[in-house]
Amino acid sequence: MFVVVSYDIPDDRRRLKIAQTLLDYGGERVQYSVFEMHITARHLERLQRELSAIIDPGEDSVRFYRLCGACQGTILYLGVARPTDGPGLLII
């Protein structure tokens, strides 16, 4: 599935850990606090558990947007934005 993950983390250390975890799961940073990724349901559940263990639930915000294939095809790109590469060989 195609997922967009955005976050608002005021603490530098936690924010870095969140970003590194998303990169570890094959996420591609498309803006400072926004990642796009192709991920299986099983890996998404694991990712959500890992991020839950990192964040401060009273201070931090992480959002997951699942986009279906039809919705993904309607993404509009302006400026230097470009589509995220499709899933390829991914070793986690």
PDB file of N, CA and C in Angstrom:
ATOM      1  N   MET A   1       0.839  -1.177   0.000  1.00  0.00           N
ATOM      2  CA  MET A   1       0.000   0.000   0.000  1.00  0.00           C
ATOM      3  C   MET A   1       0.883   1.239   0.000  1.00  0.00           C
ATOM      4  N   PHE A   2       0.302   2.355  -0.421  1.00  0.00           N
ATOM      5  CA  PHE A   2       1.022   3.626  -0.450  1.00  0.00           C
ATOM      6  C   PHE A   2       0.554   4.444   0.744  1.00  0.00           C
ATOM      7  N   VAL A   3       1.496   4.906   1.561  1.00  0.00           N
ATOM      8  CA  VAL A   3       1.163   5.617   2.793  1.00  0.00           C
ATOM      9  C   VAL A   3       1.959   6.912   2.859  1.00  0.00           C
ATOM     10  N   VAL A   4       1.289   7.968   3.270  1.00  0.00           N
ATOM     11  CA  VAL A   4       1.938   9.242   3.558  1.00  0.00           C
ATOM     12  C   VAL A   4       1.960   9.381   5.077  1.00  0.00           C
ATOM     13  N   VAL A   5       3.135   9.667   5.632  1.00  0.00           N
ATOM     14  CA  VAL A   5       3.284   9.834   7.076  1.00  0.00           C
ATOM     15  C   VAL A   5       3.766  11.262   7.323  1.00  0.00           C
ATOM     16  N   SER A   6       3.045  11.971   8.175  1.00  0.00           N
ATOM     17  CA  SER A   6       3.472  13.316   8.552  1.00  0.00           C
ATOM     18  C   SER A   6       3.586  13.375  10.070  1.00  0.00           C
ATOM     19  N   TYR A   7       4.427  14.263  10.544  1.00  0.00           N
ATOM     20  CA  TYR A   7       4.602  14.355  11.986  1.00  0.00           C
ATOM     21  C   TYR A   7       4.951  15.769  12.409  1.00  0.00           C
ATOM     22  N   ASP A   8       4.629  16.059  13.660  1.00  0.00           N
ATOM     23  CA  ASP A   8       4.991  17.313  14.305  1.00  0.00           C
ATOM     24  C   ASP A   8       5.573  16.927  15.662  1.00  0.00           C
ATOM     25  N   ILE A   9       6.885  16.975  15.767  1.00  0.00           N
ATOM     26  CA  ILE A   9       7.603  16.539  16.966  1.00  0.00           C
ATOM     27  C   ILE A   9       8.490  17.706  17.419  1.00  0.00           C
ATOM     28  N   PRO A  10       8.180  18.359  18.535  1.00  0.00           N
ATOM     29  CA  PRO A  10       8.986  19.509  18.948  1.00  0.00           C
ATOM     30  C   PRO A  10      10.381  19.147  19.475  1.00  0.00           C
ATOM     31  N   ASP A  11      10.567  17.946  19.957  1.00  0.00           N
ATOM     32  CA  ASP A  11      11.852  17.531  20.519  1.00  0.00           C
ATOM     33  C   ASP A  11      12.793  17.033  19.423  1.00  0.00           C
ATOM     34  N   ASP A  12      13.970  17.644  19.300  1.00  0.00           N
ATOM     35  CA  ASP A  12      14.921  17.298  18.239  1.00  0.00           C
ATOM     36  C   ASP A  12      15.307  15.820  18.253  1.00  0.00           C
ATOM     37  N   ARG A  13      15.563  15.289  19.420  1.00  0.00           N
ATOM     38  CA  ARG A  13      16.018  13.889  19.527  1.00  0.00           C
ATOM     39  C   ARG A  13      14.941  12.902  19.061  1.00  0.00           C
ATOM     40  N   ARG A  14      13.714  13.111  19.532  1.00  0.00           N
ATOM     41  CA  ARG A  14      12.616  12.228  19.113  1.00  0.00           C
ATOM     42  C   ARG A  14      12.321  12.396  17.630  1.00  0.00           C
ATOM     43  N   ARG A  15      12.378  13.648  17.144  1.00  0.00           N
ATOM     44  CA  ARG A  15      12.113  13.910  15.726  1.00  0.00           C
ATOM     45  C   ARG A  15      13.125  13.187  14.846  1.00  0.00           C
ATOM     46  N   LEU A  16      14.389  13.202  15.243  1.00  0.00           N
ATOM     47  CA  LEU A  16      15.424  12.496  14.489  1.00  0.00           C
ATOM     48  C   LEU A  16      15.185  10.989  14.501  1.00  0.00           C
ATOM     49  N   LYS A  17      14.779  10.458  15.657  1.00  0.00           N
ATOM     50  CA  LYS A  17      14.494   9.015  15.747  1.00  0.00           C
ATOM     51  C   LYS A  17      13.306   8.627  14.869  1.00  0.00           C
ATOM     52  N   ILE A  18      12.286   9.472  14.837  1.00  0.00           N
ATOM     53  CA  ILE A  18      11.121   9.207  13.991  1.00  0.00           C
ATOM     54  C   ILE A  18      11.549   9.184  12.528  1.00  0.00           C
ATOM     55  N   ALA A  19      12.301  10.206  12.111  1.00  0.00           N
ATOM     56  CA  ALA A  19      12.747  10.288  10.716  1.00  0.00           C
ATOM     57  C   ALA A  19      13.605   9.086  10.348  1.00  0.00           C
ATOM     58  N   GLN A  20      14.528   8.697  11.222  1.00  0.00           N
ATOM     59  CA  GLN A  20      15.402   7.565  10.922  1.00  0.00           C
ATOM     60  C   GLN A  20      14.604   6.267  10.830  1.00  0.00           C
ATOM     61  N   THR A  21      13.619   6.097  11.681  1.00  0.00           N
ATOM     62  CA  THR A  21      12.777   4.901  11.637  1.00  0.00           C
ATOM     63  C   THR A  21      11.996   4.838  10.326  1.00  0.00           C
ATOM     64  N   LEU A  22      11.465   5.968   9.893  1.00  0.00           N
ATOM     65  CA  LEU A  22      10.741   5.999   8.618  1.00  0.00           C
ATOM     66  C   LEU A  22      11.674   5.679   7.452  1.00  0.00           C
ATOM     67  N   LEU A  23      12.887   6.189   7.485  1.00  0.00           N
ATOM     68  CA  LEU A  23      13.874   5.853   6.454  1.00  0.00           C
ATOM     69  C   LEU A  23      14.200   4.361   6.476  1.00  0.00           C
ATOM     70  N   ASP A  24      14.308   3.801   7.679  1.00  0.00           N
ATOM     71  CA  ASP A  24      14.609   2.371   7.818  1.00  0.00           C
ATOM     72  C   ASP A  24      13.525   1.498   7.195  1.00  0.00           C
ATOM     73  N   TYR A  25      12.305   1.997   7.161  1.00  0.00           N
ATOM     74  CA  TYR A  25      11.192   1.249   6.581  1.00  0.00           C
ATOM     75  C   TYR A  25      10.999   1.572   5.097  1.00  0.00           C
ATOM     76  N   GLY A  26      11.946   2.251   4.516  1.00  0.00           N
ATOM     77  CA  GLY A  26      11.872   2.536   3.086  1.00  0.00           C
ATOM     78  C   GLY A  26      11.140   3.811   2.737  1.00  0.00           C
ATOM     79  N   GLY A  27      10.852   4.628   3.738  1.00  0.00           N
ATOM     80  CA  GLY A  27      10.178   5.889   3.476  1.00  0.00           C
ATOM     81  C   GLY A  27      11.079   6.846   2.709  1.00  0.00           C
ATOM     82  N   GLU A  28      10.452   7.650   1.886  1.00  0.00           N
ATOM     83  CA  GLU A  28      11.179   8.675   1.155  1.00  0.00           C
ATOM     84  C   GLU A  28      10.705  10.026   1.663  1.00  0.00           C
ATOM     85  N   ARG A  29      11.651  10.816   2.158  1.00  0.00           N
ATOM     86  CA  ARG A  29      11.293  12.144   2.665  1.00  0.00           C
ATOM     87  C   ARG A  29      10.925  13.035   1.484  1.00  0.00           C
ATOM     88  N   VAL A  30       9.710  13.587   1.510  1.00  0.00           N
ATOM     89  CA  VAL A  30       9.266  14.465   0.436  1.00  0.00           C
ATOM     90  C   VAL A  30       9.152  15.912   0.917  1.00  0.00           C
ATOM     91  N   GLN A  31       9.098  16.115   2.216  1.00  0.00           N
ATOM     92  CA  GLN A  31       9.192  17.422   2.858  1.00  0.00           C
ATOM     93  C   GLN A  31       9.824  17.178   4.222  1.00  0.00           C
ATOM     94  N   TYR A  32      10.138  18.231   4.948  1.00  0.00           N
ATOM     95  CA  TYR A  32      10.856  18.060   6.205  1.00  0.00           C
ATOM     96  C   TYR A  32      10.183  17.073   7.154  1.00  0.00           C
ATOM     97  N   SER A  33       8.897  17.149   7.295  1.00  0.00           N
ATOM     98  CA  SER A  33       8.182  16.275   8.225  1.00  0.00           C
ATOM     99  C   SER A  33       7.150  15.408   7.529  1.00  0.00           C
ATOM    100  N   VAL A  34       7.389  15.075   6.259  1.00  0.00           N
ATOM    101  CA  VAL A  34       6.454  14.251   5.489  1.00  0.00           C
ATOM    102  C   VAL A  34       7.234  13.193   4.716  1.00  0.00           C
ATOM    103  N   PHE A  35       6.811  11.954   4.865  1.00  0.00           N
ATOM    104  CA  PHE A  35       7.408  10.826   4.152  1.00  0.00           C
ATOM    105  C   PHE A  35       6.331  10.116   3.353  1.00  0.00           C
ATOM    106  N   GLU A  36       6.723   9.549   2.225  1.00  0.00           N
ATOM    107  CA  GLU A  36       5.859   8.666   1.451  1.00  0.00           C
ATOM    108  C   GLU A  36       6.534   7.313   1.403  1.00  0.00           C
ATOM    109  N   MET A  37       5.720   6.258   1.404  1.00  0.00           N
ATOM    110  CA  MET A  37       6.303   4.917   1.337  1.00  0.00           C
ATOM    111  C   MET A  37       5.321   3.899   0.789  1.00  0.00           C
ATOM    112  N   HIS A  38       5.883   2.905   0.162  1.00  0.00           N
ATOM    113  CA  HIS A  38       5.143   1.714  -0.240  1.00  0.00           C
ATOM    114  C   HIS A  38       5.479   0.680   0.825  1.00  0.00           C
ATOM    115  N   ILE A  39       4.456   0.128   1.471  1.00  0.00           N
ATOM    116  CA  ILE A  39       4.690  -0.731   2.622  1.00  0.00           C
ATOM    117  C   ILE A  39       3.569  -1.762   2.725  1.00  0.00           C
ATOM    118  N   THR A  40       3.890  -2.929   3.240  1.00  0.00           N
ATOM    119  CA  THR A  40       2.872  -3.961   3.449  1.00  0.00           C
ATOM    120  C   THR A  40       2.098  -3.644   4.733  1.00  0.00           C
ATOM    121  N   ALA A  41       0.915  -4.209   4.855  1.00  0.00           N
ATOM    122  CA  ALA A  41       0.096  -4.000   6.051  1.00  0.00           C
ATOM    123  C   ALA A  41       0.840  -4.465   7.301  1.00  0.00           C
ATOM    124  N   ARG A  42       1.520  -5.596   7.207  1.00  0.00           N
ATOM    125  CA  ARG A  42       2.265  -6.134   8.351  1.00  0.00           C
ATOM    126  C   ARG A  42       3.381  -5.180   8.792  1.00  0.00           C
ATOM    127  N   HIS A  43       4.131  -4.657   7.814  1.00  0.00           N
ATOM    128  CA  HIS A  43       5.206  -3.735   8.156  1.00  0.00           C
ATOM    129  C   HIS A  43       4.666  -2.400   8.665  1.00  0.00           C
ATOM    130  N   LEU A  44       3.511  -1.981   8.151  1.00  0.00           N
ATOM    131  CA  LEU A  44       2.905  -0.744   8.631  1.00  0.00           C
ATOM    132  C   LEU A  44       2.513  -0.880  10.097  1.00  0.00           C
ATOM    133  N   GLU A  45       1.943  -2.007  10.466  1.00  0.00           N
ATOM    134  CA  GLU A  45       1.580  -2.230  11.872  1.00  0.00           C
ATOM    135  C   GLU A  45       2.817  -2.194  12.765  1.00  0.00           C
ATOM    136  N   ARG A  46       3.877  -2.827  12.313  1.00  0.00           N
ATOM    137  CA  ARG A  46       5.126  -2.834  13.083  1.00  0.00           C
ATOM    138  C   ARG A  46       5.695  -1.418  13.192  1.00  0.00           C
ATOM    139  N   LEU A  47       5.679  -0.679  12.086  1.00  0.00           N
ATOM    140  CA  LEU A  47       6.160   0.703  12.089  1.00  0.00           C
ATOM    141  C   LEU A  47       5.361   1.549  13.077  1.00  0.00           C
ATOM    142  N   GLN A  48       4.050   1.396  13.079  1.00  0.00           N
ATOM    143  CA  GLN A  48       3.213   2.179  13.989  1.00  0.00           C
ATOM    144  C   GLN A  48       3.524   1.858  15.445  1.00  0.00           C
ATOM    145  N   ARG A  49       3.789   0.597  15.749  1.00  0.00           N
ATOM    146  CA  ARG A  49       4.176   0.223  17.118  1.00  0.00           C
ATOM    147  C   ARG A  49       5.512   0.856  17.505  1.00  0.00           C
ATOM    148  N   GLU A  50       6.479   0.819  16.581  1.00  0.00           N
ATOM    149  CA  GLU A  50       7.794   1.399  16.864  1.00  0.00           C
ATOM    150  C   GLU A  50       7.696   2.904  17.082  1.00  0.00           C
ATOM    151  N   LEU A  51       6.931   3.584  16.243  1.00  0.00           N
ATOM    152  CA  LEU A  51       6.799   5.029  16.401  1.00  0.00           C
ATOM    153  C   LEU A  51       6.050   5.370  17.689  1.00  0.00           C
ATOM    154  N   SER A  52       5.072   4.563  18.053  1.00  0.00           N
ATOM    155  CA  SER A  52       4.336   4.786  19.308  1.00  0.00           C
ATOM    156  C   SER A  52       5.259   4.713  20.514  1.00  0.00           C
ATOM    157  N   ALA A  53       6.273   3.862  20.425  1.00  0.00           N
ATOM    158  CA  ALA A  53       7.223   3.714  21.528  1.00  0.00           C
ATOM    159  C   ALA A  53       8.196   4.889  21.608  1.00  0.00           C
ATOM    160  N   ILE A  54       8.341   5.635  20.524  1.00  0.00           N
ATOM    161  CA  ILE A  54       9.283   6.758  20.482  1.00  0.00           C
ATOM    162  C   ILE A  54       8.633   8.066  20.904  1.00  0.00           C
ATOM    163  N   ILE A  55       7.404   8.291  20.488  1.00  0.00           N
ATOM    164  CA  ILE A  55       6.782   9.599  20.687  1.00  0.00           C
ATOM    165  C   ILE A  55       6.364   9.835  22.138  1.00  0.00           C
ATOM    166  N   ASP A  56       6.170  11.098  22.455  1.00  0.00           N
ATOM    167  CA  ASP A  56       5.534  11.520  23.703  1.00  0.00           C
ATOM    168  C   ASP A  56       4.085  11.819  23.326  1.00  0.00           C
ATOM    169  N   PRO A  57       3.145  10.948  23.715  1.00  0.00           N
ATOM    170  CA  PRO A  57       1.758  11.116  23.263  1.00  0.00           C
ATOM    171  C   PRO A  57       1.102  12.414  23.736  1.00  0.00           C
ATOM    172  N   GLY A  58       1.655  13.055  24.735  1.00  0.00           N
ATOM    173  CA  GLY A  58       1.100  14.318  25.201  1.00  0.00           C
ATOM    174  C   GLY A  58       1.638  15.523  24.458  1.00  0.00           C
ATOM    175  N   GLU A  59       2.647  15.308  23.632  1.00  0.00           N
ATOM    176  CA  GLU A  59       3.319  16.421  22.965  1.00  0.00           C
ATOM    177  C   GLU A  59       3.448  16.251  21.453  1.00  0.00           C
ATOM    178  N   ASP A  60       3.553  15.024  20.978  1.00  0.00           N
ATOM    179  CA  ASP A  60       3.870  14.746  19.576  1.00  0.00           C
ATOM    180  C   ASP A  60       2.632  14.327  18.783  1.00  0.00           C
ATOM    181  N   SER A  61       2.732  14.503  17.471  1.00  0.00           N
ATOM    182  CA  SER A  61       1.651  14.113  16.572  1.00  0.00           C
ATOM    183  C   SER A  61       2.241  13.407  15.362  1.00  0.00           C
ATOM    184  N   VAL A  62       1.719  12.213  15.053  1.00  0.00           N
ATOM    185  CA  VAL A  62       2.105  11.465  13.858  1.00  0.00           C
ATOM    186  C   VAL A  62       0.811  11.048  13.161  1.00  0.00           C
ATOM    187  N   ARG A  63       0.749  11.273  11.850  1.00  0.00           N
ATOM    188  CA  ARG A  63      -0.444  10.927  11.075  1.00  0.00           C
ATOM    189  C   ARG A  63      -0.065   9.998   9.928  1.00  0.00           C
ATOM    190  N   PHE A  64      -0.931   9.023   9.664  1.00  0.00           N
ATOM    191  CA  PHE A  64      -0.749   8.062   8.581  1.00  0.00           C
ATOM    192  C   PHE A  64      -1.924   8.206   7.616  1.00  0.00           C
ATOM    193  N   TYR A  65      -1.626   8.443   6.348  1.00  0.00           N
ATOM    194  CA  TYR A  65      -2.653   8.549   5.320  1.00  0.00           C
ATOM    195  C   TYR A  65      -2.431   7.426   4.315  1.00  0.00           C
ATOM    196  N   ARG A  66      -3.357   6.482   4.265  1.00  0.00           N
ATOM    197  CA  ARG A  66      -3.281   5.400   3.279  1.00  0.00           C
ATOM    198  C   ARG A  66      -3.972   5.858   2.010  1.00  0.00           C
ATOM    199  N   LEU A  67      -3.291   5.711   0.891  1.00  0.00           N
ATOM    200  CA  LEU A  67      -3.878   6.104  -0.384  1.00  0.00           C
ATOM    201  C   LEU A  67      -4.054   4.870  -1.259  1.00  0.00           C
ATOM    202  N   CYS A  68      -5.255   4.698  -1.767  1.00  0.00           N
ATOM    203  CA  CYS A  68      -5.513   3.580  -2.671  1.00  0.00           C
ATOM    204  C   CYS A  68      -4.841   3.865  -4.011  1.00  0.00           C
ATOM    205  N   GLY A  69      -4.746   2.865  -4.857  1.00  0.00           N
ATOM    206  CA  GLY A  69      -4.116   3.023  -6.162  1.00  0.00           C
ATOM    207  C   GLY A  69      -4.771   4.119  -6.993  1.00  0.00           C
ATOM    208  N   ALA A  70      -6.109   4.191  -6.955  1.00  0.00           N
ATOM    209  CA  ALA A  70      -6.812   5.216  -7.718  1.00  0.00           C
ATOM    210  C   ALA A  70      -6.521   6.606  -7.148  1.00  0.00           C
ATOM    211  N   CYS A  71      -6.480   6.714  -5.828  1.00  0.00           N
ATOM    212  CA  CYS A  71      -6.186   8.005  -5.189  1.00  0.00           C
ATOM    213  C   CYS A  71      -4.750   8.435  -5.459  1.00  0.00           C
ATOM    214  N   GLN A  72      -3.860   7.492  -5.424  1.00  0.00           N
ATOM    215  CA  GLN A  72      -2.451   7.790  -5.666  1.00  0.00           C
ATOM    216  C   GLN A  72      -2.264   8.382  -7.058  1.00  0.00           C
ATOM    217  N   GLY A  73      -3.048   7.917  -7.999  1.00  0.00           N
ATOM    218  CA  GLY A  73      -2.960   8.415  -9.365  1.00  0.00           C
ATOM    219  C   GLY A  73      -3.467   9.833  -9.542  1.00  0.00           C
ATOM    220  N   THR A  74      -4.142  10.375  -8.529  1.00  0.00           N
ATOM    221  CA  THR A  74      -4.670  11.738  -8.626  1.00  0.00           C
ATOM    222  C   THR A  74      -3.797  12.769  -7.917  1.00  0.00           C
ATOM    223  N   ILE A  75      -2.653  12.356  -7.401  1.00  0.00           N
ATOM    224  CA  ILE A  75      -1.760  13.297  -6.713  1.00  0.00           C
ATOM    225  C   ILE A  75      -1.293  14.350  -7.710  1.00  0.00           C
ATOM    226  N   LEU A  76      -1.373  15.590  -7.300  1.00  0.00           N
ATOM    227  CA  LEU A  76      -0.938  16.707  -8.135  1.00  0.00           C
ATOM    228  C   LEU A  76       0.409  17.194  -7.623  1.00  0.00           C
ATOM    229  N   TYR A  77       1.379  17.320  -8.493  1.00  0.00           N
ATOM    230  CA  TYR A  77       2.727  17.763  -8.141  1.00  0.00           C
ATOM    231  C   TYR A  77       2.975  19.139  -8.717  1.00  0.00           C
ATOM    232  N   LEU A  78       3.427  20.064  -7.887  1.00  0.00           N
ATOM    233  CA  LEU A  78       3.774  21.406  -8.331  1.00  0.00           C
ATOM    234  C   LEU A  78       5.234  21.679  -7.976  1.00  0.00           C
ATOM    235  N   GLY A  79       5.870  22.523  -8.731  1.00  0.00           N
ATOM    236  CA  GLY A  79       7.261  22.877  -8.435  1.00  0.00           C
ATOM    237  C   GLY A  79       8.193  21.705  -8.654  1.00  0.00           C
ATOM    238  N   VAL A  80       9.131  21.519  -7.737  1.00  0.00           N
ATOM    239  CA  VAL A  80      10.139  20.465  -7.889  1.00  0.00           C
ATOM    240  C   VAL A  80       9.658  19.111  -7.376  1.00  0.00           C
ATOM    241  N   ALA A  81       8.426  19.034  -6.906  1.00  0.00           N
ATOM    242  CA  ALA A  81       7.881  17.767  -6.415  1.00  0.00           C
ATOM    243  C   ALA A  81       7.890  16.732  -7.526  1.00  0.00           C
ATOM    244  N   ARG A  82       8.116  15.485  -7.154  1.00  0.00           N
ATOM    245  CA  ARG A  82       8.104  14.395  -8.122  1.00  0.00           C
ATOM    246  C   ARG A  82       7.496  13.170  -7.473  1.00  0.00           C
ATOM    247  N   PRO A  83       6.959  12.246  -8.258  1.00  0.00           N
ATOM    248  CA  PRO A  83       6.359  11.027  -7.698  1.00  0.00           C
ATOM    249  C   PRO A  83       7.408  10.183  -6.959  1.00  0.00           C
ATOM    250  N   THR A  84       6.961   9.521  -5.918  1.00  0.00           N
ATOM    251  CA  THR A  84       7.802   8.588  -5.185  1.00  0.00           C
ATOM    252  C   THR A  84       7.930   7.317  -6.005  1.00  0.00           C
ATOM    253  N   ASP A  85       9.135   6.770  -6.078  1.00  0.00           N
ATOM    254  CA  ASP A  85       9.342   5.528  -6.805  1.00  0.00           C
ATOM    255  C   ASP A  85       8.485   4.412  -6.232  1.00  0.00           C
ATOM    256  N   GLY A  86       8.029   3.545  -7.107  1.00  0.00           N
ATOM    257  CA  GLY A  86       7.245   2.398  -6.700  1.00  0.00           C
ATOM    258  C   GLY A  86       8.086   1.404  -5.922  1.00  0.00           C
ATOM    259  N   PRO A  87       7.452   0.423  -5.364  1.00  0.00           N
ATOM    260  CA  PRO A  87       8.203  -0.560  -4.584  1.00  0.00           C
ATOM    261  C   PRO A  87       9.156  -1.357  -5.474  1.00  0.00           C
ATOM    262  N   GLY A  88      10.323  -1.563  -4.989  1.00  0.00           N
ATOM    263  CA  GLY A  88      11.319  -2.374  -5.648  1.00  0.00           C
ATOM    264  C   GLY A  88      11.858  -3.365  -4.638  1.00  0.00           C
ATOM    265  N   LEU A  89      13.072  -3.733  -4.766  1.00  0.00           N
ATOM    266  CA  LEU A  89      13.696  -4.608  -3.789  1.00  0.00           C
ATOM    267  C   LEU A  89      13.925  -3.809  -2.525  1.00  0.00           C
ATOM    268  N   LEU A  90      13.361  -4.285  -1.434  1.00  0.00           N
ATOM    269  CA  LEU A  90      13.461  -3.596  -0.159  1.00  0.00           C
ATOM    270  C   LEU A  90      13.908  -4.603   0.889  1.00  0.00           C
ATOM    271  N   ILE A  91      15.012  -4.313   1.526  1.00  0.00           N
ATOM    272  CA  ILE A  91      15.502  -5.191   2.585  1.00  0.00           C
ATOM    273  C   ILE A  91      15.390  -4.430   3.899  1.00  0.00           C
ATOM    274  N   ILE A  92      14.614  -5.002   4.814  1.00  0.00           N
ATOM    275  CA  ILE A  92      14.413  -4.358   6.110  1.00  0.00           C
ATOM    276  C   ILE A  92      15.050  -5.209   7.182  1.00  0.00           C
TER     277      ILE A  92
END
